[in-house]
Amino acid sequence: MSEDINQRRRNFLGTAVATFAAARFGLIGAADAQSKTAALPMIKPGTNTSFAPLKQIDAGLLNVGYAEAGPADGPPVMLLHGWPYDIYSFVDVTPLLAQAGFRVIVPYLRGYGTTRFLAGDTFRNGQPAAVAADIIALMDALKIEKATLAGFDWGARTANIIAAAHPERCKAMVSVSGYLISSQESGKMPLPPSAELQWWYQFYFATERGREGYDKYRHEFSKLIWQLASPQWKFDGATFERSAKAFENPDHVAIVIHNYRWRLALAEGEARYADLDKIIAAAPAISVPTITMEGDANGAPHPPPAVYAKKFSGRYEHRDVKGGIGHNLPQEAPQAFAQAVVDVTALA
């Protein structure tokens, strides 16, 4: 009986959220996300500290570790983390979406957590096309034809690529910091000194000293990035250590270093991703319903919303999230992020 009541509650909440979102989604422009979270239960960031036992599945080149929550027949949503973060960026978002009736999948990207390559001789490739192909392969393995994709940092870039190149697989999208598709050619272009300074770690990683330094000090390095990217986020030691375990993956350093060297055209990609790379290089517009988000205290490099708004040709809204919210927006403002997922999915 309790399960029946819970299911009716989920159905009612989903209908109410869809109605609420549909009534206001047509307005395009900046919005205060904190005023748009009434449809979901209130939650204090850091309320949750764990997932249900993780699952593993063979998908493409990988055996992927992932968290799953919510009804198996609910609308699927893939939550995609960035660097140097992991699935715990969504530890509070996940139960909110599960309670709203979504089937929530939160995978470790290649080089993180319990995700492993199936073959020892597979090139440890971090190029964006490879990460996007991993998520398509995971959707295939889980028999998910189409999903809402939501993420930040590497995760947002991955969602952008899939939405642009495979819109038939992306129902809708939430993208922190907007449009993040970039090519090796664009990576060759010099930026003003103040902008280059923000990418200091990318140039560090271009050196062998940088590779060795990141390998030796990966925990200290990652904590520094957390502090710089979210200067007002007062995370505690336990919160960081939960995520830091994911960086002990044996392929982590190789994936991270290759990703940033690829961006500067200092490392080659793989021929198997050549077709996808051509699409990426064209910087195509994204037609699926999209909400972009930005925290008001994001210390990581990020473009202003006006720069990328025209890259979204479908139904689109941008939301600014206030309150000292930094780069790791899902973990710092889980309610705002979850609400965006609910709202954008309702319009697809």
Protein backbone atom coordinates (compact mmCIF):
# COMPACT_ATOMS: atom_id res chain seq x y z
CA MET A 1 0.00 0.00 0.00
CA SER A 2 2.83 2.43 0.87
CA GLU A 3 4.42 1.83 -2.54
CA ASP A 4 1.09 2.58 -4.24
CA ILE A 5 0.80 5.83 -2.29
CA ASN A 6 4.39 6.76 -3.17
CA GLN A 7 3.74 6.10 -6.86
CA ARG A 8 0.59 8.26 -6.83
CA ARG A 9 2.56 10.98 -5.07
CA ARG A 10 5.27 10.81 -7.74
CA ASN A 11 2.71 10.95 -10.53
CA PHE A 12 0.97 13.93 -8.95
CA LEU A 13 4.24 15.77 -8.41
CA GLY A 14 5.36 15.11 -11.97
CA THR A 15 2.10 16.44 -13.37
CA ALA A 16 2.21 19.53 -11.19
CA VAL A 17 5.81 20.27 -12.10
CA ALA A 18 5.12 19.81 -15.81
CA THR A 19 2.16 22.19 -15.65
CA PHE A 20 4.16 24.76 -13.68
CA ALA A 21 7.12 24.58 -16.07
CA ALA A 22 5.02 24.72 -19.22
CA ALA A 23 3.25 27.84 -18.03
CA ARG A 24 6.46 29.87 -17.79
CA PHE A 25 9.19 28.27 -19.90
CA GLY A 26 8.51 30.35 -22.99
CA LEU A 27 10.29 33.39 -21.56
CA ILE A 28 13.91 33.52 -22.68
CA GLY A 29 16.45 35.36 -20.60
CA ALA A 30 18.19 35.49 -17.26
CA ALA A 31 16.20 34.31 -14.27
CA ASP A 32 16.79 34.01 -10.56
CA ALA A 33 16.77 30.23 -10.11
CA GLN A 34 16.26 30.51 -6.37
CA SER A 35 12.71 31.76 -6.99
CA LYS A 36 11.84 28.79 -9.19
CA THR A 37 12.35 25.84 -6.85
CA ALA A 38 8.94 25.74 -5.15
CA ALA A 39 7.83 22.60 -6.98
CA LEU A 40 10.53 20.44 -5.34
CA PRO A 41 11.01 19.75 -1.62
CA MET A 42 13.42 22.04 0.18
CA ILE A 43 16.84 20.53 0.77
CA LYS A 44 19.98 21.79 2.47
CA PRO A 45 23.17 21.12 0.47
CA GLY A 46 25.07 18.28 2.10
CA THR A 47 21.95 16.57 3.45
CA ASN A 48 22.88 13.32 1.68
CA THR A 49 26.29 11.70 1.86
CA SER A 50 25.85 8.41 0.02
CA PHE A 51 24.18 6.59 -2.84
CA ALA A 52 22.63 3.16 -2.95
CA PRO A 53 25.22 0.46 -3.76
CA LEU A 54 26.83 1.27 -7.10
CA LYS A 55 26.24 -0.82 -10.19
CA GLN A 56 28.63 -1.88 -12.95
CA ILE A 57 27.89 -2.54 -16.61
CA ASP A 58 29.96 -3.20 -19.74
CA ALA A 59 29.39 -0.36 -22.21
CA GLY A 60 31.55 0.22 -25.27
CA LEU A 61 35.20 0.28 -24.23
CA LEU A 62 34.42 0.44 -20.53
CA ASN A 63 32.99 -1.30 -17.54
CA VAL A 64 31.13 1.68 -16.13
CA GLY A 65 30.42 2.28 -12.47
CA TYR A 66 27.25 4.22 -11.82
CA ALA A 67 24.67 5.13 -9.24
CA GLU A 68 20.97 4.62 -10.02
CA ALA A 69 17.85 5.81 -8.25
CA GLY A 70 14.16 6.27 -8.93
CA PRO A 71 11.59 4.10 -10.71
CA ALA A 72 12.90 1.93 -13.54
CA ASP A 73 10.11 3.13 -15.83
CA GLY A 74 10.57 6.83 -15.02
CA PRO A 75 11.85 9.34 -17.56
CA PRO A 76 15.62 8.79 -17.67
CA VAL A 77 18.11 11.50 -16.78
CA MET A 78 21.89 11.20 -17.01
CA LEU A 79 23.84 13.36 -14.56
CA LEU A 80 27.40 14.01 -15.75
CA HIS A 81 30.23 15.26 -13.54
CA GLY A 82 33.36 17.20 -14.39
CA TRP A 83 37.02 17.50 -13.36
CA PRO A 84 38.17 17.24 -10.64
CA TYR A 85 34.82 16.09 -9.29
CA ASP A 86 32.81 12.89 -9.35
CA ILE A 87 29.31 11.47 -8.90
CA TYR A 88 29.02 13.01 -5.42
CA SER A 89 28.39 16.35 -7.11
CA PHE A 90 24.88 14.93 -7.55
CA VAL A 91 24.41 13.25 -4.17
CA ASP A 92 21.64 15.70 -3.19
CA VAL A 93 20.24 16.16 -6.70
CA THR A 94 19.67 12.43 -7.20
CA PRO A 95 17.08 11.81 -4.44
CA LEU A 96 15.18 14.97 -5.42
CA LEU A 97 14.81 13.73 -8.98
CA ALA A 98 14.10 10.15 -7.89
CA GLN A 99 11.28 11.38 -5.64
CA ALA A 100 9.88 13.32 -8.59
CA GLY A 101 9.63 10.06 -10.56
CA PHE A 102 12.79 10.16 -12.67
CA ARG A 103 15.07 7.24 -13.38
CA VAL A 104 18.40 8.80 -12.41
CA ILE A 105 21.72 7.49 -13.76
CA VAL A 106 24.97 9.01 -12.42
CA PRO A 107 28.04 7.45 -14.08
CA TYR A 108 31.70 7.78 -13.29
CA LEU A 109 33.37 9.10 -16.43
CA ARG A 110 36.36 7.26 -17.86
CA GLY A 111 39.29 7.62 -15.50
CA TYR A 112 37.16 8.10 -12.39
CA GLY A 113 35.89 5.92 -9.56
CA THR A 114 34.98 2.35 -10.39
CA THR A 115 34.88 2.82 -14.18
CA ARG A 116 37.54 0.71 -15.89
CA PHE A 117 38.69 -0.02 -19.43
CA LEU A 118 37.81 -3.51 -20.59
CA ALA A 119 41.14 -3.95 -22.37
CA GLY A 120 44.55 -3.13 -20.99
CA ASP A 121 45.89 -1.95 -24.33
CA THR A 122 43.12 0.55 -25.10
CA PHE A 123 44.51 4.05 -25.50
CA ARG A 124 43.71 6.14 -22.42
CA ASN A 125 42.06 8.90 -24.40
CA GLY A 126 40.53 11.95 -22.75
CA GLN A 127 39.35 13.82 -25.84
CA PRO A 128 35.79 15.17 -25.51
CA ALA A 129 34.47 13.03 -28.37
CA ALA A 130 35.59 9.88 -26.57
CA VAL A 131 33.82 10.85 -23.36
CA ALA A 132 30.64 11.64 -25.31
CA ALA A 133 30.84 8.28 -27.10
CA ASP A 134 31.12 6.58 -23.70
CA ILE A 135 27.78 8.05 -22.60
CA ILE A 136 26.05 6.97 -25.81
CA ALA A 137 27.45 3.46 -25.25
CA LEU A 138 26.20 3.51 -21.65
CA MET A 139 22.73 4.53 -22.79
CA ASP A 140 22.78 1.64 -25.27
CA ALA A 141 23.86 -0.82 -22.59
CA LEU A 142 21.09 0.39 -20.27
CA LYS A 143 18.57 0.29 -23.16
CA ILE A 144 17.87 4.01 -22.81
CA GLU A 145 16.91 5.38 -26.20
CA LYS A 146 16.59 9.01 -25.15
CA ALA A 147 17.41 10.85 -21.93
CA THR A 148 17.64 14.29 -20.41
CA LEU A 149 21.33 15.10 -20.07
CA ALA A 150 22.50 17.41 -17.29
CA GLY A 151 25.98 18.31 -16.15
CA PHE A 152 28.76 20.77 -15.48
CA ASP A 153 32.38 21.15 -16.58
CA TRP A 154 33.37 18.02 -18.57
CA GLY A 155 29.83 16.77 -18.01
CA ALA A 156 28.23 19.84 -19.57
CA ARG A 157 30.60 19.65 -22.53
CA THR A 158 29.71 15.98 -22.99
CA ALA A 159 25.99 16.77 -22.87
CA ASN A 160 26.49 19.58 -25.39
CA ILE A 161 28.27 17.29 -27.84
CA ILE A 162 25.59 14.61 -27.63
CA ALA A 163 22.78 17.15 -27.95
CA ALA A 164 24.41 18.69 -31.03
CA ALA A 165 25.58 15.52 -32.77
CA HIS A 166 22.87 13.09 -31.64
CA PRO A 167 19.72 15.08 -30.81
CA GLU A 168 17.71 11.90 -31.24
CA ARG A 169 19.35 10.62 -28.04
CA CYS A 170 18.94 13.81 -26.00
CA LYS A 171 15.44 14.71 -24.84
CA ALA A 172 16.47 17.94 -23.15
CA MET A 173 19.55 19.40 -21.49
CA VAL A 174 20.74 21.34 -18.46
CA SER A 175 24.19 22.81 -19.02
CA VAL A 176 26.13 24.72 -16.38
CA SER A 177 28.17 27.54 -17.98
CA GLY A 178 26.29 27.21 -21.25
CA TYR A 179 27.74 26.16 -24.58
CA LEU A 180 31.08 24.42 -24.07
CA ILE A 181 31.78 22.73 -27.41
CA SER A 182 35.26 23.66 -28.62
CA SER A 183 37.73 22.30 -31.14
CA GLN A 184 41.48 21.88 -31.33
CA GLU A 185 41.60 24.77 -33.79
CA SER A 186 39.90 27.10 -31.34
CA GLY A 187 42.26 25.85 -28.65
CA LYS A 188 45.22 27.13 -30.68
CA MET A 189 44.01 30.72 -30.52
CA PRO A 190 45.77 32.86 -27.89
CA LEU A 191 43.63 34.65 -25.33
CA PRO A 192 44.21 37.92 -23.45
CA PRO A 193 46.67 37.44 -20.55
CA SER A 194 43.99 37.62 -17.86
CA ALA A 195 42.05 34.82 -19.58
CA GLU A 196 45.17 32.71 -20.11
CA LEU A 197 45.95 33.04 -16.41
CA GLN A 198 42.68 31.29 -15.54
CA TRP A 199 43.85 28.26 -17.54
CA TRP A 200 47.17 27.95 -15.69
CA TYR A 201 46.68 24.25 -14.96
CA GLN A 202 46.17 23.48 -18.66
CA PHE A 203 49.68 24.75 -19.42
CA TYR A 204 51.07 22.92 -16.38
CA PHE A 205 49.57 19.70 -17.70
CA ALA A 206 51.25 20.30 -21.06
CA THR A 207 54.59 19.47 -19.44
CA GLU A 208 55.94 16.19 -18.14
CA ARG A 209 56.60 17.94 -14.85
CA GLY A 210 52.89 18.71 -14.77
CA ARG A 211 51.97 15.10 -15.36
CA GLU A 212 54.28 13.93 -12.60
CA GLY A 213 53.12 16.69 -10.28
CA TYR A 214 49.45 15.90 -10.77
CA ASP A 215 50.11 12.20 -10.24
CA LYS A 216 52.05 12.86 -7.04
CA TYR A 217 49.76 15.56 -5.63
CA ARG A 218 46.42 14.72 -7.19
CA HIS A 219 44.51 15.16 -3.91
CA GLU A 220 46.16 18.48 -3.05
CA PHE A 221 45.81 19.66 -6.63
CA SER A 222 42.11 18.79 -6.78
CA LYS A 223 41.37 20.48 -3.46
CA LEU A 224 43.07 23.63 -4.73
CA ILE A 225 40.90 23.60 -7.85
CA TRP A 226 37.78 23.19 -5.70
CA GLN A 227 38.81 26.21 -3.64
CA LEU A 228 39.64 28.39 -6.64
CA ALA A 229 36.57 27.37 -8.66
CA SER A 230 34.15 27.78 -5.74
CA PRO A 231 35.73 30.41 -3.47
CA GLN A 232 32.63 30.79 -1.28
CA TRP A 233 31.83 27.08 -0.92
CA LYS A 234 32.78 25.98 2.60
CA PHE A 235 33.06 22.25 1.96
CA ASP A 236 34.41 20.11 4.78
CA GLY A 237 37.11 17.48 4.70
CA ALA A 238 34.70 14.55 4.57
CA THR A 239 32.93 16.02 1.54
CA PHE A 240 36.19 16.36 -0.36
CA GLU A 241 37.51 12.93 0.63
CA ARG A 242 34.37 11.19 -0.62
CA SER A 243 35.10 12.55 -4.09
CA ALA A 244 38.89 12.32 -3.88
CA LYS A 245 38.67 8.53 -3.77
CA ALA A 246 37.48 8.66 -7.40
CA PHE A 247 40.82 10.16 -8.44
CA GLU A 248 42.66 7.02 -7.36
CA ASN A 249 41.42 5.31 -10.52
CA PRO A 250 44.52 3.88 -12.27
CA ASP A 251 43.66 5.68 -15.52
CA HIS A 252 42.77 9.03 -13.96
CA VAL A 253 46.02 10.90 -14.56
CA ALA A 254 46.39 9.66 -18.13
CA ILE A 255 42.82 10.68 -19.01
CA VAL A 256 43.08 14.14 -17.45
CA ILE A 257 46.46 14.94 -18.98
CA HIS A 258 45.38 13.77 -22.43
CA ASN A 259 42.17 15.80 -22.24
CA TYR A 260 43.95 19.08 -21.60
CA ARG A 261 46.79 18.38 -24.02
CA TRP A 262 44.25 17.52 -26.72
CA ARG A 263 42.55 20.88 -26.21
CA LEU A 264 45.82 22.66 -27.00
CA ALA A 265 46.44 20.37 -30.00
CA LEU A 266 49.47 18.95 -28.20
CA ALA A 267 48.08 15.40 -28.31
CA GLU A 268 46.32 13.49 -31.05
CA GLY A 269 42.90 11.94 -30.78
CA GLU A 270 41.79 8.61 -32.24
CA ALA A 271 40.57 7.95 -35.76
CA ARG A 272 37.49 6.17 -34.40
CA TYR A 273 36.16 9.57 -33.27
CA ALA A 274 37.01 11.44 -36.48
CA ASP A 275 33.39 11.86 -37.62
CA LEU A 276 32.31 13.17 -34.24
CA ASP A 277 35.31 15.50 -34.15
CA LYS A 278 34.22 17.03 -37.45
CA ILE A 279 30.84 17.84 -35.96
CA ILE A 280 32.49 19.29 -32.87
CA ALA A 281 34.82 21.42 -34.96
CA ALA A 282 31.83 23.03 -36.70
CA ALA A 283 30.46 24.26 -33.34
CA PRO A 284 26.87 23.42 -34.31
CA ALA A 285 23.79 24.96 -32.74
CA ILE A 286 21.84 22.87 -30.23
CA SER A 287 18.13 22.43 -30.96
CA VAL A 288 16.92 20.41 -27.95
CA PRO A 289 15.14 22.26 -25.10
CA THR A 290 17.88 23.66 -22.87
CA ILE A 291 18.35 25.48 -19.61
CA THR A 292 21.80 26.94 -19.00
CA MET A 293 22.89 27.90 -15.51
CA GLU A 294 25.60 29.91 -13.83
CA GLY A 295 26.55 30.46 -10.22
CA ASP A 296 27.25 34.00 -9.09
CA ALA A 297 30.63 33.03 -7.59
CA ASN A 298 32.06 30.74 -10.26
CA GLY A 299 35.82 31.09 -10.05
CA ALA A 300 36.55 28.79 -13.00
CA PRO A 301 36.88 30.07 -16.58
CA HIS A 302 33.41 30.53 -18.06
CA PRO A 303 31.85 32.66 -20.79
CA PRO A 304 29.08 35.18 -20.08
CA PRO A 305 25.59 33.97 -21.09
CA ALA A 306 25.24 36.60 -23.82
CA VAL A 307 28.15 35.00 -25.68
CA TYR A 308 26.49 31.62 -26.13
CA ALA A 309 22.72 32.31 -26.07
CA LYS A 310 22.42 32.17 -29.86
CA LYS A 311 23.99 28.69 -29.93
CA PHE A 312 20.69 27.29 -28.62
CA SER A 313 18.14 27.28 -31.43
CA GLY A 314 15.34 25.47 -29.58
CA ARG A 315 13.41 26.42 -26.45
CA TYR A 316 15.95 28.02 -24.19
CA GLU A 317 16.30 29.76 -20.84
CA HIS A 318 19.25 30.92 -18.78
CA ARG A 319 19.18 30.91 -14.99
CA ASP A 320 21.58 32.71 -12.67
CA VAL A 321 21.91 31.07 -9.28
CA LYS A 322 22.74 33.46 -6.45
CA GLY A 323 24.10 32.97 -2.97
CA GLY A 324 27.84 32.51 -3.50
CA ILE A 325 27.43 29.50 -5.79
CA GLY A 326 30.60 28.40 -7.54
CA HIS A 327 31.63 26.02 -10.30
CA ASN A 328 30.27 22.81 -8.74
CA LEU A 329 26.71 24.09 -9.04
CA PRO A 330 24.84 20.77 -8.58
CA GLN A 331 26.48 20.12 -5.22
CA GLU A 332 26.40 23.73 -4.04
CA ALA A 333 22.81 24.44 -5.21
CA PRO A 334 21.17 21.01 -5.66
CA GLN A 335 17.61 22.26 -5.51
CA ALA A 336 18.11 24.82 -8.29
CA PHE A 337 19.85 22.23 -10.46
CA ALA A 338 17.21 19.55 -9.89
CA GLN A 339 14.42 22.03 -10.59
CA ALA A 340 16.04 22.92 -13.91
CA VAL A 341 16.11 19.22 -14.86
CA VAL A 342 12.42 18.85 -14.00
CA ASP A 343 11.43 22.02 -15.84
CA VAL A 344 13.32 21.38 -19.05
CA THR A 345 12.23 17.73 -19.25
CA ALA A 346 8.59 18.79 -18.97
CA LEU A 347 8.97 20.84 -22.16
CA ALA A 348 10.50 18.10 -24.30
